[in-house]
Amino acid sequence: MRMFALLGLLVVSSCATIHFRSNDSIPVTFTGNGSHQKEVLIEGDKSFYWWGINPEYHEVFVDEEIKKAGYKSLSKAIIYEQKDPQDILISFLTLGIYVPRGWTITGFTDGQKGPLEVHRTE
């Protein structure tokens, strides 16, 4: 029982990290832009192995992901990395050999107000 508790603690506290970067290919701001009315959400994931040790980190270029989704700019950007219950379960069942991590970029872009547009990247 103690071994399962230690293994669970190792899986939940793995070192998997996603670094969010920009190479300034398109404008991405954390402030508002009056002409940006369309709300968008872009999701992706990265895979880590061996309790998050390999690779030590992944880089996500925010502006490149926004461009891949078909947008020319983004304002009121919110960027986060998440570890959902399904990812934790997969990590536990594989004994930490496979550690998935998800990320989300949300904000506003050119266009009319409407339903939230969700894009999934590979």
PDB file of N, CA and C in Angstrom:
ATOM      1  N   MET A   1       0.821  -1.195   0.000  1.00  0.00           N
ATOM      2  CA  MET A   1       0.000   0.000   0.000  1.00  0.00           C
ATOM      3  C   MET A   1       0.866   1.260   0.000  1.00  0.00           C
ATOM      4  N   ARG A   2       1.929   1.215   0.787  1.00  0.00           N
ATOM      5  CA  ARG A   2       2.819   2.362   0.870  1.00  0.00           C
ATOM      6  C   ARG A   2       3.466   2.641  -0.490  1.00  0.00           C
ATOM      7  N   MET A   3       3.800   1.564  -1.234  1.00  0.00           N
ATOM      8  CA  MET A   3       4.416   1.726  -2.544  1.00  0.00           C
ATOM      9  C   MET A   3       3.473   2.450  -3.504  1.00  0.00           C
ATOM     10  N   PHE A   4       2.170   2.108  -3.474  1.00  0.00           N
ATOM     11  CA  PHE A   4       1.195   2.777  -4.340  1.00  0.00           C
ATOM     12  C   PHE A   4       1.061   4.258  -3.982  1.00  0.00           C
ATOM     13  N   ALA A   5       1.120   4.565  -2.704  1.00  0.00           N
ATOM     14  CA  ALA A   5       1.035   5.959  -2.276  1.00  0.00           C
ATOM     15  C   ALA A   5       2.252   6.750  -2.774  1.00  0.00           C
ATOM     16  N   LEU A   6       3.440   6.158  -2.665  1.00  0.00           N
ATOM     17  CA  LEU A   6       4.643   6.830  -3.148  1.00  0.00           C
ATOM     18  C   LEU A   6       4.616   6.983  -4.659  1.00  0.00           C
ATOM     19  N   LEU A   7       4.152   5.962  -5.369  1.00  0.00           N
ATOM     20  CA  LEU A   7       4.054   6.032  -6.824  1.00  0.00           C
ATOM     21  C   LEU A   7       3.049   7.101  -7.244  1.00  0.00           C
ATOM     22  N   GLY A   8       1.920   7.164  -6.571  1.00  0.00           N
ATOM     23  CA  GLY A   8       0.916   8.183  -6.864  1.00  0.00           C
ATOM     24  C   GLY A   8       1.454   9.581  -6.634  1.00  0.00           C
ATOM     25  N   LEU A   9       2.199   9.766  -5.571  1.00  0.00           N
ATOM     26  CA  LEU A   9       2.803  11.066  -5.282  1.00  0.00           C
ATOM     27  C   LEU A   9       3.823  11.437  -6.358  1.00  0.00           C
ATOM     28  N   LEU A  10       4.607  10.480  -6.816  1.00  0.00           N
ATOM     29  CA  LEU A  10       5.590  10.737  -7.862  1.00  0.00           C
ATOM     30  C   LEU A  10       4.917  11.143  -9.166  1.00  0.00           C
ATOM     31  N   VAL A  11       3.840  10.455  -9.532  1.00  0.00           N
ATOM     32  CA  VAL A  11       3.135  10.748 -10.782  1.00  0.00           C
ATOM     33  C   VAL A  11       2.497  12.129 -10.729  1.00  0.00           C
ATOM     34  N   VAL A  12       1.852  12.462  -9.634  1.00  0.00           N
ATOM     35  CA  VAL A  12       1.161  13.750  -9.513  1.00  0.00           C
ATOM     36  C   VAL A  12       2.148  14.905  -9.445  1.00  0.00           C
ATOM     37  N   SER A  13       3.328  14.686  -8.895  1.00  0.00           N
ATOM     38  CA  SER A  13       4.298  15.776  -8.744  1.00  0.00           C
ATOM     39  C   SER A  13       5.423  15.703  -9.779  1.00  0.00           C
ATOM     40  N   SER A  14       5.133  15.162 -10.942  1.00  0.00           N
ATOM     41  CA  SER A  14       6.176  15.023 -11.963  1.00  0.00           C
ATOM     42  C   SER A  14       6.674  16.397 -12.415  1.00  0.00           C
ATOM     43  N   CYS A  15       7.820  16.389 -13.063  1.00  0.00           N
ATOM     44  CA  CYS A  15       8.498  17.633 -13.449  1.00  0.00           C
ATOM     45  C   CYS A  15       8.130  18.121 -14.840  1.00  0.00           C
ATOM     46  N   ALA A  16       7.109  17.593 -15.457  1.00  0.00           N
ATOM     47  CA  ALA A  16       6.719  17.981 -16.815  1.00  0.00           C
ATOM     48  C   ALA A  16       6.314  19.456 -16.836  1.00  0.00           C
ATOM     49  N   THR A  17       6.964  20.224 -17.721  1.00  0.00           N
ATOM     50  CA  THR A  17       6.704  21.657 -17.809  1.00  0.00           C
ATOM     51  C   THR A  17       6.585  22.072 -19.268  1.00  0.00           C
ATOM     52  N   ILE A  18       5.647  22.958 -19.535  1.00  0.00           N
ATOM     53  CA  ILE A  18       5.512  23.545 -20.860  1.00  0.00           C
ATOM     54  C   ILE A  18       5.899  25.016 -20.755  1.00  0.00           C
ATOM     55  N   HIS A  19       6.858  25.437 -21.581  1.00  0.00           N
ATOM     56  CA  HIS A  19       7.280  26.840 -21.617  1.00  0.00           C
ATOM     57  C   HIS A  19       6.548  27.511 -22.777  1.00  0.00           C
ATOM     58  N   PHE A  20       5.847  28.588 -22.491  1.00  0.00           N
ATOM     59  CA  PHE A  20       5.127  29.333 -23.510  1.00  0.00           C
ATOM     60  C   PHE A  20       5.998  30.499 -23.970  1.00  0.00           C
ATOM     61  N   ARG A  21       6.221  30.584 -25.269  1.00  0.00           N
ATOM     62  CA  ARG A  21       7.111  31.584 -25.840  1.00  0.00           C
ATOM     63  C   ARG A  21       6.435  32.289 -27.017  1.00  0.00           C
ATOM     64  N   SER A  22       7.095  33.323 -27.520  1.00  0.00           N
ATOM     65  CA  SER A  22       6.627  34.028 -28.712  1.00  0.00           C
ATOM     66  C   SER A  22       7.827  34.377 -29.566  1.00  0.00           C
ATOM     67  N   ASN A  23       7.653  34.300 -30.886  1.00  0.00           N
ATOM     68  CA  ASN A  23       8.713  34.775 -31.773  1.00  0.00           C
ATOM     69  C   ASN A  23       8.244  36.008 -32.542  1.00  0.00           C
ATOM     70  N   ASP A  24       7.197  36.655 -32.043  1.00  0.00           N
ATOM     71  CA  ASP A  24       6.673  37.923 -32.566  1.00  0.00           C
ATOM     72  C   ASP A  24       6.269  37.866 -34.029  1.00  0.00           C
ATOM     73  N   SER A  25       5.734  36.728 -34.469  1.00  0.00           N
ATOM     74  CA  SER A  25       5.306  36.628 -35.869  1.00  0.00           C
ATOM     75  C   SER A  25       3.946  37.283 -36.095  1.00  0.00           C
ATOM     76  N   ILE A  26       3.101  37.339 -35.059  1.00  0.00           N
ATOM     77  CA  ILE A  26       1.827  38.063 -35.117  1.00  0.00           C
ATOM     78  C   ILE A  26       1.617  38.761 -33.777  1.00  0.00           C
ATOM     79  N   PRO A  27       0.765  39.815 -33.740  1.00  0.00           N
ATOM     80  CA  PRO A  27       0.526  40.513 -32.473  1.00  0.00           C
ATOM     81  C   PRO A  27      -0.316  39.675 -31.501  1.00  0.00           C
ATOM     82  N   VAL A  28       0.227  39.465 -30.316  1.00  0.00           N
ATOM     83  CA  VAL A  28      -0.495  38.790 -29.233  1.00  0.00           C
ATOM     84  C   VAL A  28      -0.330  39.669 -28.004  1.00  0.00           C
ATOM     85  N   THR A  29      -1.464  40.110 -27.430  1.00  0.00           N
ATOM     86  CA  THR A  29      -1.401  40.993 -26.262  1.00  0.00           C
ATOM     87  C   THR A  29      -2.286  40.464 -25.142  1.00  0.00           C
ATOM     88  N   PHE A  30      -1.979  40.899 -23.937  1.00  0.00           N
ATOM     89  CA  PHE A  30      -2.789  40.542 -22.783  1.00  0.00           C
ATOM     90  C   PHE A  30      -3.821  41.627 -22.489  1.00  0.00           C
ATOM     91  N   THR A  31      -3.774  42.721 -23.235  1.00  0.00           N
ATOM     92  CA  THR A  31      -4.744  43.802 -23.075  1.00  0.00           C
ATOM     93  C   THR A  31      -5.801  43.706 -24.165  1.00  0.00           C
ATOM     94  N   GLY A  32      -6.876  44.447 -24.016  1.00  0.00           N
ATOM     95  CA  GLY A  32      -7.976  44.408 -24.965  1.00  0.00           C
ATOM     96  C   GLY A  32      -7.721  45.216 -26.222  1.00  0.00           C
ATOM     97  N   ASN A  33      -8.457  44.862 -27.268  1.00  0.00           N
ATOM     98  CA  ASN A  33      -8.429  45.583 -28.535  1.00  0.00           C
ATOM     99  C   ASN A  33      -9.886  45.728 -28.953  1.00  0.00           C
ATOM    100  N   GLY A  34     -10.358  46.959 -29.123  1.00  0.00           N
ATOM    101  CA  GLY A  34     -11.772  47.208 -29.423  1.00  0.00           C
ATOM    102  C   GLY A  34     -12.273  46.541 -30.691  1.00  0.00           C
ATOM    103  N   SER A  35     -11.395  46.290 -31.654  1.00  0.00           N
ATOM    104  CA  SER A  35     -11.846  45.662 -32.897  1.00  0.00           C
ATOM    105  C   SER A  35     -11.897  44.136 -32.802  1.00  0.00           C
ATOM    106  N   HIS A  36     -11.415  43.592 -31.721  1.00  0.00           N
ATOM    107  CA  HIS A  36     -11.448  42.137 -31.531  1.00  0.00           C
ATOM    108  C   HIS A  36     -12.715  41.747 -30.771  1.00  0.00           C
ATOM    109  N   GLN A  37     -13.640  41.096 -31.454  1.00  0.00           N
ATOM    110  CA  GLN A  37     -14.927  40.730 -30.852  1.00  0.00           C
ATOM    111  C   GLN A  37     -15.162  39.221 -30.810  1.00  0.00           C
ATOM    112  N   LYS A  38     -14.440  38.456 -31.629  1.00  0.00           N
ATOM    113  CA  LYS A  38     -14.659  37.014 -31.725  1.00  0.00           C
ATOM    114  C   LYS A  38     -13.786  36.292 -30.694  1.00  0.00           C
ATOM    115  N   GLU A  39     -14.450  35.518 -29.817  1.00  0.00           N
ATOM    116  CA  GLU A  39     -13.714  34.771 -28.802  1.00  0.00           C
ATOM    117  C   GLU A  39     -13.278  33.423 -29.372  1.00  0.00           C
ATOM    118  N   VAL A  40     -12.016  33.080 -29.158  1.00  0.00           N
ATOM    119  CA  VAL A  40     -11.474  31.820 -29.666  1.00  0.00           C
ATOM    120  C   VAL A  40     -10.745  31.077 -28.549  1.00  0.00           C
ATOM    121  N   LEU A  41     -10.663  29.771 -28.714  1.00  0.00           N
ATOM    122  CA  LEU A  41      -9.967  28.915 -27.772  1.00  0.00           C
ATOM    123  C   LEU A  41      -9.146  27.921 -28.590  1.00  0.00           C
ATOM    124  N   ILE A  42      -7.870  27.829 -28.304  1.00  0.00           N
ATOM    125  CA  ILE A  42      -6.968  26.922 -29.014  1.00  0.00           C
ATOM    126  C   ILE A  42      -6.381  25.975 -27.979  1.00  0.00           C
ATOM    127  N   GLU A  43      -6.507  24.671 -28.227  1.00  0.00           N
ATOM    128  CA  GLU A  43      -6.040  23.662 -27.284  1.00  0.00           C
ATOM    129  C   GLU A  43      -4.996  22.769 -27.928  1.00  0.00           C
ATOM    130  N   GLY A  44      -4.139  22.235 -27.117  1.00  0.00           N
ATOM    131  CA  GLY A  44      -3.146  21.279 -27.586  1.00  0.00           C
ATOM    132  C   GLY A  44      -2.636  20.464 -26.422  1.00  0.00           C
ATOM    133  N   ASP A  45      -1.766  19.528 -26.704  1.00  0.00           N
ATOM    134  CA  ASP A  45      -1.158  18.746 -25.637  1.00  0.00           C
ATOM    135  C   ASP A  45       0.256  18.351 -26.015  1.00  0.00           C
ATOM    136  N   LYS A  46       1.009  18.018 -25.016  1.00  0.00           N
ATOM    137  CA  LYS A  46       2.391  17.567 -25.172  1.00  0.00           C
ATOM    138  C   LYS A  46       2.569  16.306 -24.341  1.00  0.00           C
ATOM    139  N   SER A  47       3.435  15.441 -24.805  1.00  0.00           N
ATOM    140  CA  SER A  47       3.687  14.176 -24.116  1.00  0.00           C
ATOM    141  C   SER A  47       5.056  14.193 -23.448  1.00  0.00           C
ATOM    142  N   PHE A  48       5.078  13.715 -22.229  1.00  0.00           N
ATOM    143  CA  PHE A  48       6.313  13.543 -21.474  1.00  0.00           C
ATOM    144  C   PHE A  48       6.425  12.077 -21.090  1.00  0.00           C
ATOM    145  N   TYR A  49       7.641  11.652 -20.803  1.00  0.00           N
ATOM    146  CA  TYR A  49       7.879  10.257 -20.454  1.00  0.00           C
ATOM    147  C   TYR A  49       8.768  10.174 -19.222  1.00  0.00           C
ATOM    148  N   TRP A  50       8.718   9.029 -18.547  1.00  0.00           N
ATOM    149  CA  TRP A  50       9.544   8.747 -17.381  1.00  0.00           C
ATOM    150  C   TRP A  50       9.394   9.818 -16.308  1.00  0.00           C
ATOM    151  N   TRP A  51       8.173   9.961 -15.810  1.00  0.00           N
ATOM    152  CA  TRP A  51       7.814  10.887 -14.731  1.00  0.00           C
ATOM    153  C   TRP A  51       8.079  12.336 -15.081  1.00  0.00           C
ATOM    154  N   GLY A  52       8.018  12.661 -16.357  1.00  0.00           N
ATOM    155  CA  GLY A  52       8.225  14.040 -16.783  1.00  0.00           C
ATOM    156  C   GLY A  52       9.681  14.424 -16.940  1.00  0.00           C
ATOM    157  N   ILE A  53      10.563  13.443 -16.879  1.00  0.00           N
ATOM    158  CA  ILE A  53      11.990  13.724 -17.004  1.00  0.00           C
ATOM    159  C   ILE A  53      12.407  13.865 -18.472  1.00  0.00           C
ATOM    160  N   ASN A  54      11.725  13.148 -19.357  1.00  0.00           N
ATOM    161  CA  ASN A  54      12.093  13.163 -20.781  1.00  0.00           C
ATOM    162  C   ASN A  54      10.906  13.587 -21.627  1.00  0.00           C
ATOM    163  N   PRO A  55      10.929  14.666 -22.327  1.00  0.00           N
ATOM    164  CA  PRO A  55      11.926  15.731 -22.225  1.00  0.00           C
ATOM    165  C   PRO A  55      11.696  16.541 -20.956  1.00  0.00           C
ATOM    166  N   GLU A  56      12.670  17.321 -20.578  1.00  0.00           N
ATOM    167  CA  GLU A  56      12.549  18.120 -19.362  1.00  0.00           C
ATOM    168  C   GLU A  56      11.439  19.155 -19.503  1.00  0.00           C
ATOM    169  N   TYR A  57      11.288  19.720 -20.713  1.00  0.00           N
ATOM    170  CA  TYR A  57      10.226  20.680 -20.975  1.00  0.00           C
ATOM    171  C   TYR A  57       9.923  20.693 -22.474  1.00  0.00           C
ATOM    172  N   HIS A  58       8.749  21.179 -22.813  1.00  0.00           N
ATOM    173  CA  HIS A  58       8.350  21.424 -24.198  1.00  0.00           C
ATOM    174  C   HIS A  58       8.160  22.924 -24.360  1.00  0.00           C
ATOM    175  N   GLU A  59       8.373  23.431 -25.560  1.00  0.00           N
ATOM    176  CA  GLU A  59       8.098  24.830 -25.851  1.00  0.00           C
ATOM    177  C   GLU A  59       6.884  24.923 -26.763  1.00  0.00           C
ATOM    178  N   VAL A  60       5.979  25.837 -26.438  1.00  0.00           N
ATOM    179  CA  VAL A  60       4.826  26.147 -27.278  1.00  0.00           C
ATOM    180  C   VAL A  60       4.960  27.608 -27.671  1.00  0.00           C
ATOM    181  N   PHE A  61       5.053  27.863 -28.978  1.00  0.00           N
ATOM    182  CA  PHE A  61       5.118  29.233 -29.467  1.00  0.00           C
ATOM    183  C   PHE A  61       3.686  29.714 -29.694  1.00  0.00           C
ATOM    184  N   VAL A  62       3.238  30.579 -28.793  1.00  0.00           N
ATOM    185  CA  VAL A  62       1.853  31.035 -28.761  1.00  0.00           C
ATOM    186  C   VAL A  62       1.437  31.634 -30.093  1.00  0.00           C
ATOM    187  N   ASP A  63       2.239  32.533 -30.643  1.00  0.00           N
ATOM    188  CA  ASP A  63       1.859  33.185 -31.891  1.00  0.00           C
ATOM    189  C   ASP A  63       1.780  32.190 -33.054  1.00  0.00           C
ATOM    190  N   GLU A  64       2.640  31.195 -33.066  1.00  0.00           N
ATOM    191  CA  GLU A  64       2.591  30.191 -34.138  1.00  0.00           C
ATOM    192  C   GLU A  64       1.333  29.330 -34.034  1.00  0.00           C
ATOM    193  N   GLU A  65       0.920  29.003 -32.820  1.00  0.00           N
ATOM    194  CA  GLU A  65      -0.309  28.212 -32.626  1.00  0.00           C
ATOM    195  C   GLU A  65      -1.535  29.014 -33.056  1.00  0.00           C
ATOM    196  N   ILE A  66      -1.537  30.307 -32.769  1.00  0.00           N
ATOM    197  CA  ILE A  66      -2.652  31.174 -33.171  1.00  0.00           C
ATOM    198  C   ILE A  66      -2.688  31.281 -34.695  1.00  0.00           C
ATOM    199  N   LYS A  67      -1.524  31.421 -35.305  1.00  0.00           N
ATOM    200  CA  LYS A  67      -1.438  31.507 -36.765  1.00  0.00           C
ATOM    201  C   LYS A  67      -1.904  30.195 -37.410  1.00  0.00           C
ATOM    202  N   LYS A  68      -1.513  29.052 -36.833  1.00  0.00           N
ATOM    203  CA  LYS A  68      -1.947  27.748 -37.360  1.00  0.00           C
ATOM    204  C   LYS A  68      -3.463  27.595 -37.309  1.00  0.00           C
ATOM    205  N   ALA A  69      -4.089  28.212 -36.302  1.00  0.00           N
ATOM    206  CA  ALA A  69      -5.547  28.147 -36.168  1.00  0.00           C
ATOM    207  C   ALA A  69      -6.247  29.088 -37.142  1.00  0.00           C
ATOM    208  N   GLY A  70      -5.472  29.923 -37.848  1.00  0.00           N
ATOM    209  CA  GLY A  70      -6.040  30.773 -38.885  1.00  0.00           C
ATOM    210  C   GLY A  70      -6.302  32.212 -38.495  1.00  0.00           C
ATOM    211  N   TYR A  71      -5.675  32.690 -37.427  1.00  0.00           N
ATOM    212  CA  TYR A  71      -5.901  34.056 -36.967  1.00  0.00           C
ATOM    213  C   TYR A  71      -4.661  34.915 -37.160  1.00  0.00           C
ATOM    214  N   LYS A  72      -4.882  36.226 -37.326  1.00  0.00           N
ATOM    215  CA  LYS A  72      -3.782  37.158 -37.591  1.00  0.00           C
ATOM    216  C   LYS A  72      -3.319  37.906 -36.349  1.00  0.00           C
ATOM    217  N   SER A  73      -4.114  37.848 -35.272  1.00  0.00           N
ATOM    218  CA  SER A  73      -3.741  38.513 -34.021  1.00  0.00           C
ATOM    219  C   SER A  73      -4.646  37.997 -32.907  1.00  0.00           C
ATOM    220  N   LEU A  74      -4.270  38.303 -31.657  1.00  0.00           N
ATOM    221  CA  LEU A  74      -5.060  37.883 -30.501  1.00  0.00           C
ATOM    222  C   LEU A  74      -4.875  38.910 -29.398  1.00  0.00           C
ATOM    223  N   SER A  75      -5.973  39.286 -28.741  1.00  0.00           N
ATOM    224  CA  SER A  75      -5.901  40.190 -27.594  1.00  0.00           C
ATOM    225  C   SER A  75      -6.605  39.540 -26.406  1.00  0.00           C
ATOM    226  N   LYS A  76      -6.393  40.111 -25.229  1.00  0.00           N
ATOM    227  CA  LYS A  76      -6.909  39.553 -23.972  1.00  0.00           C
ATOM    228  C   LYS A  76      -6.525  38.081 -23.836  1.00  0.00           C
ATOM    229  N   ALA A  77      -5.284  37.791 -24.186  1.00  0.00           N
ATOM    230  CA  ALA A  77      -4.803  36.405 -24.175  1.00  0.00           C
ATOM    231  C   ALA A  77      -4.728  35.851 -22.757  1.00  0.00           C
ATOM    232  N   ILE A  78      -5.202  34.629 -22.613  1.00  0.00           N
ATOM    233  CA  ILE A  78      -5.059  33.871 -21.378  1.00  0.00           C
ATOM    234  C   ILE A  78      -4.440  32.538 -21.783  1.00  0.00           C
ATOM    235  N   ILE A  79      -3.336  32.188 -21.156  1.00  0.00           N
ATOM    236  CA  ILE A  79      -2.590  30.987 -21.516  1.00  0.00           C
ATOM    237  C   ILE A  79      -2.402  30.150 -20.254  1.00  0.00           C
ATOM    238  N   TYR A  80      -2.745  28.871 -20.342  1.00  0.00           N
ATOM    239  CA  TYR A  80      -2.509  28.033 -19.182  1.00  0.00           C
ATOM    240  C   TYR A  80      -2.250  26.591 -19.568  1.00  0.00           C
ATOM    241  N   GLU A  81      -1.602  25.923 -18.644  1.00  0.00           N
ATOM    242  CA  GLU A  81      -1.296  24.498 -18.760  1.00  0.00           C
ATOM    243  C   GLU A  81      -2.201  23.778 -17.772  1.00  0.00           C
ATOM    244  N   GLN A  82      -2.759  22.660 -18.206  1.00  0.00           N
ATOM    245  CA  GLN A  82      -3.632  21.945 -17.289  1.00  0.00           C
ATOM    246  C   GLN A  82      -3.269  20.473 -17.198  1.00  0.00           C
ATOM    247  N   LYS A  83      -3.645  19.917 -16.078  1.00  0.00           N
ATOM    248  CA  LYS A  83      -3.454  18.503 -15.796  1.00  0.00           C
ATOM    249  C   LYS A  83      -4.828  17.991 -15.373  1.00  0.00           C
ATOM    250  N   ASP A  84      -5.588  17.424 -16.319  1.00  0.00           N
ATOM    251  CA  ASP A  84      -6.946  17.006 -15.982  1.00  0.00           C
ATOM    252  C   ASP A  84      -6.945  15.603 -15.368  1.00  0.00           C
ATOM    253  N   PRO A  85      -8.050  15.191 -14.745  1.00  0.00           N
ATOM    254  CA  PRO A  85      -8.105  13.887 -14.078  1.00  0.00           C
ATOM    255  C   PRO A  85      -7.767  12.712 -15.004  1.00  0.00           C
ATOM    256  N   GLN A  86      -8.159  12.803 -16.265  1.00  0.00           N
ATOM    257  CA  GLN A  86      -7.849  11.726 -17.206  1.00  0.00           C
ATOM    258  C   GLN A  86      -6.333  11.595 -17.400  1.00  0.00           C
ATOM    259  N   ASP A  87      -5.641  12.720 -17.500  1.00  0.00           N
ATOM    260  CA  ASP A  87      -4.181  12.691 -17.642  1.00  0.00           C
ATOM    261  C   ASP A  87      -3.515  12.091 -16.411  1.00  0.00           C
ATOM    262  N   ILE A  88      -4.026  12.446 -15.245  1.00  0.00           N
ATOM    263  CA  ILE A  88      -3.468  11.901 -14.003  1.00  0.00           C
ATOM    264  C   ILE A  88      -3.687  10.395 -13.952  1.00  0.00           C
ATOM    265  N   LEU A  89      -4.865   9.937 -14.364  1.00  0.00           N
ATOM    266  CA  LEU A  89      -5.166   8.499 -14.369  1.00  0.00           C
ATOM    267  C   LEU A  89      -4.250   7.756 -15.343  1.00  0.00           C
ATOM    268  N   ILE A  90      -4.066   8.303 -16.545  1.00  0.00           N
ATOM    269  CA  ILE A  90      -3.180   7.666 -17.526  1.00  0.00           C
ATOM    270  C   ILE A  90      -1.751   7.596 -16.977  1.00  0.00           C
ATOM    271  N   SER A  91      -1.300   8.656 -16.358  1.00  0.00           N
ATOM    272  CA  SER A  91       0.043   8.660 -15.774  1.00  0.00           C
ATOM    273  C   SER A  91       0.171   7.596 -14.692  1.00  0.00           C
ATOM    274  N   PHE A  92      -0.863   7.465 -13.885  1.00  0.00           N
ATOM    275  CA  PHE A  92      -0.845   6.478 -12.805  1.00  0.00           C
ATOM    276  C   PHE A  92      -0.869   5.060 -13.366  1.00  0.00           C
ATOM    277  N   LEU A  93      -1.739   4.806 -14.352  1.00  0.00           N
ATOM    278  CA  LEU A  93      -1.858   3.459 -14.920  1.00  0.00           C
ATOM    279  C   LEU A  93      -0.600   3.024 -15.673  1.00  0.00           C
ATOM    280  N   THR A  94       0.147   3.972 -16.228  1.00  0.00           N
ATOM    281  CA  THR A  94       1.395   3.637 -16.917  1.00  0.00           C
ATOM    282  C   THR A  94       2.596   3.743 -15.976  1.00  0.00           C
ATOM    283  N   LEU A  95       2.333   3.892 -14.698  1.00  0.00           N
ATOM    284  CA  LEU A  95       3.373   3.995 -13.670  1.00  0.00           C
ATOM    285  C   LEU A  95       4.341   5.156 -13.941  1.00  0.00           C
ATOM    286  N   GLY A  96       3.818   6.201 -14.570  1.00  0.00           N
ATOM    287  CA  GLY A  96       4.612   7.395 -14.819  1.00  0.00           C
ATOM    288  C   GLY A  96       5.458   7.337 -16.078  1.00  0.00           C
ATOM    289  N   ILE A  97       5.362   6.243 -16.828  1.00  0.00           N
ATOM    290  CA  ILE A  97       6.144   6.144 -18.064  1.00  0.00           C
ATOM    291  C   ILE A  97       5.620   7.137 -19.092  1.00  0.00           C
ATOM    292  N   TYR A  98       4.311   7.366 -19.124  1.00  0.00           N
ATOM    293  CA  TYR A  98       3.703   8.338 -20.040  1.00  0.00           C
ATOM    294  C   TYR A  98       2.971   9.386 -19.221  1.00  0.00           C
ATOM    295  N   VAL A  99       3.319  10.663 -19.432  1.00  0.00           N
ATOM    296  CA  VAL A  99       2.734  11.765 -18.669  1.00  0.00           C
ATOM    297  C   VAL A  99       2.229  12.833 -19.648  1.00  0.00           C
ATOM    298  N   PRO A 100       0.933  12.810 -19.993  1.00  0.00           N
ATOM    299  CA  PRO A 100       0.405  13.837 -20.906  1.00  0.00           C
ATOM    300  C   PRO A 100       0.101  15.141 -20.168  1.00  0.00           C
ATOM    301  N   ARG A 101       0.268  16.266 -20.868  1.00  0.00           N
ATOM    302  CA  ARG A 101      -0.080  17.583 -20.330  1.00  0.00           C
ATOM    303  C   ARG A 101      -0.798  18.370 -21.418  1.00  0.00           C
ATOM    304  N   GLY A 102      -1.853  19.040 -21.050  1.00  0.00           N
ATOM    305  CA  GLY A 102      -2.603  19.858 -21.989  1.00  0.00           C
ATOM    306  C   GLY A 102      -2.316  21.332 -21.787  1.00  0.00           C
ATOM    307  N   TRP A 103      -2.601  22.129 -22.823  1.00  0.00           N
ATOM    308  CA  TRP A 103      -2.460  23.581 -22.727  1.00  0.00           C
ATOM    309  C   TRP A 103      -3.613  24.234 -23.479  1.00  0.00           C
ATOM    310  N   THR A 104      -3.930  25.457 -23.090  1.00  0.00           N
ATOM    311  CA  THR A 104      -5.022  26.212 -23.694  1.00  0.00           C
ATOM    312  C   THR A 104      -4.608  27.666 -23.856  1.00  0.00           C
ATOM    313  N   ILE A 105      -4.943  28.229 -25.021  1.00  0.00           N
ATOM    314  CA  ILE A 105      -4.780  29.655 -25.283  1.00  0.00           C
ATOM    315  C   ILE A 105      -6.172  30.174 -25.627  1.00  0.00           C
ATOM    316  N   THR A 106      -6.617  31.188 -24.946  1.00  0.00           N
ATOM    317  CA  THR A 106      -7.920  31.770 -25.234  1.00  0.00           C
ATOM    318  C   THR A 106      -7.779  33.291 -25.316  1.00  0.00           C
ATOM    319  N   GLY A 107      -8.676  33.910 -26.064  1.00  0.00           N
ATOM    320  CA  GLY A 107      -8.637  35.353 -26.221  1.00  0.00           C
ATOM    321  C   GLY A 107      -9.606  35.805 -27.293  1.00  0.00           C
ATOM    322  N   PHE A 108      -9.408  37.020 -27.787  1.00  0.00           N
ATOM    323  CA  PHE A 108     -10.308  37.604 -28.774  1.00  0.00           C
ATOM    324  C   PHE A 108      -9.521  37.983 -30.025  1.00  0.00           C
ATOM    325  N   THR A 109     -10.192  37.870 -31.184  1.00  0.00           N
ATOM    326  CA  THR A 109      -9.566  38.185 -32.456  1.00  0.00           C
ATOM    327  C   THR A 109     -10.546  38.922 -33.350  1.00  0.00           C
ATOM    328  N   ASP A 110     -10.104  39.298 -34.553  1.00  0.00           N
ATOM    329  CA  ASP A 110     -10.970  39.998 -35.502  1.00  0.00           C
ATOM    330  C   ASP A 110     -12.203  39.173 -35.826  1.00  0.00           C
ATOM    331  N   GLY A 111     -13.314  39.860 -35.996  1.00  0.00           N
ATOM    332  CA  GLY A 111     -14.549  39.185 -36.381  1.00  0.00           C
ATOM    333  C   GLY A 111     -15.707  39.614 -35.509  1.00  0.00           C
ATOM    334  N   GLN A 112     -16.891  39.140 -35.863  1.00  0.00           N
ATOM    335  CA  GLN A 112     -18.113  39.462 -35.139  1.00  0.00           C
ATOM    336  C   GLN A 112     -18.290  38.538 -33.936  1.00  0.00           C
ATOM    337  N   LYS A 113     -19.007  39.054 -32.930  1.00  0.00           N
ATOM    338  CA  LYS A 113     -19.341  38.224 -31.780  1.00  0.00           C
ATOM    339  C   LYS A 113     -20.142  37.026 -32.256  1.00  0.00           C
ATOM    340  N   GLY A 114     -19.959  35.939 -31.605  1.00  0.00           N
ATOM    341  CA  GLY A 114     -20.672  34.724 -31.951  1.00  0.00           C
ATOM    342  C   GLY A 114     -20.296  33.636 -30.967  1.00  0.00           C
ATOM    343  N   PRO A 115     -20.638  32.401 -31.287  1.00  0.00           N
ATOM    344  CA  PRO A 115     -20.273  31.309 -30.379  1.00  0.00           C
ATOM    345  C   PRO A 115     -18.750  31.137 -30.315  1.00  0.00           C
ATOM    346  N   LEU A 116     -18.283  30.649 -29.197  1.00  0.00           N
ATOM    347  CA  LEU A 116     -16.865  30.406 -28.991  1.00  0.00           C
ATOM    348  C   LEU A 116     -16.355  29.427 -30.042  1.00  0.00           C
ATOM    349  N   GLU A 117     -15.265  29.794 -30.718  1.00  0.00           N
ATOM    350  CA  GLU A 117     -14.651  28.906 -31.700  1.00  0.00           C
ATOM    351  C   GLU A 117     -13.512  28.148 -31.021  1.00  0.00           C
ATOM    352  N   VAL A 118     -13.560  26.825 -31.115  1.00  0.00           N
ATOM    353  CA  VAL A 118     -12.554  25.972 -30.475  1.00  0.00           C
ATOM    354  C   VAL A 118     -11.723  25.307 -31.570  1.00  0.00           C
ATOM    355  N   HIS A 119     -10.391  25.376 -31.410  1.00  0.00           N
ATOM    356  CA  HIS A 119      -9.466  24.751 -32.347  1.00  0.00           C
ATOM    357  C   HIS A 119      -8.557  23.818 -31.574  1.00  0.00           C
ATOM    358  N   ARG A 120      -8.319  22.656 -32.120  1.00  0.00           N
ATOM    359  CA  ARG A 120      -7.423  21.669 -31.509  1.00  0.00           C
ATOM    360  C   ARG A 120      -6.207  21.521 -32.401  1.00  0.00           C
ATOM    361  N   THR A 121      -4.999  21.712 -31.861  1.00  0.00           N
ATOM    362  CA  THR A 121      -3.783  21.585 -32.657  1.00  0.00           C
ATOM    363  C   THR A 121      -3.165  20.214 -32.441  1.00  0.00           C
ATOM    364  N   GLU A 122      -2.285  19.855 -33.335  1.00  0.00           N
ATOM    365  CA  GLU A 122      -1.616  18.553 -33.226  1.00  0.00           C
ATOM    366  C   GLU A 122      -0.242  18.710 -32.656  1.00  0.00           C
TER     367      GLU A 122
END
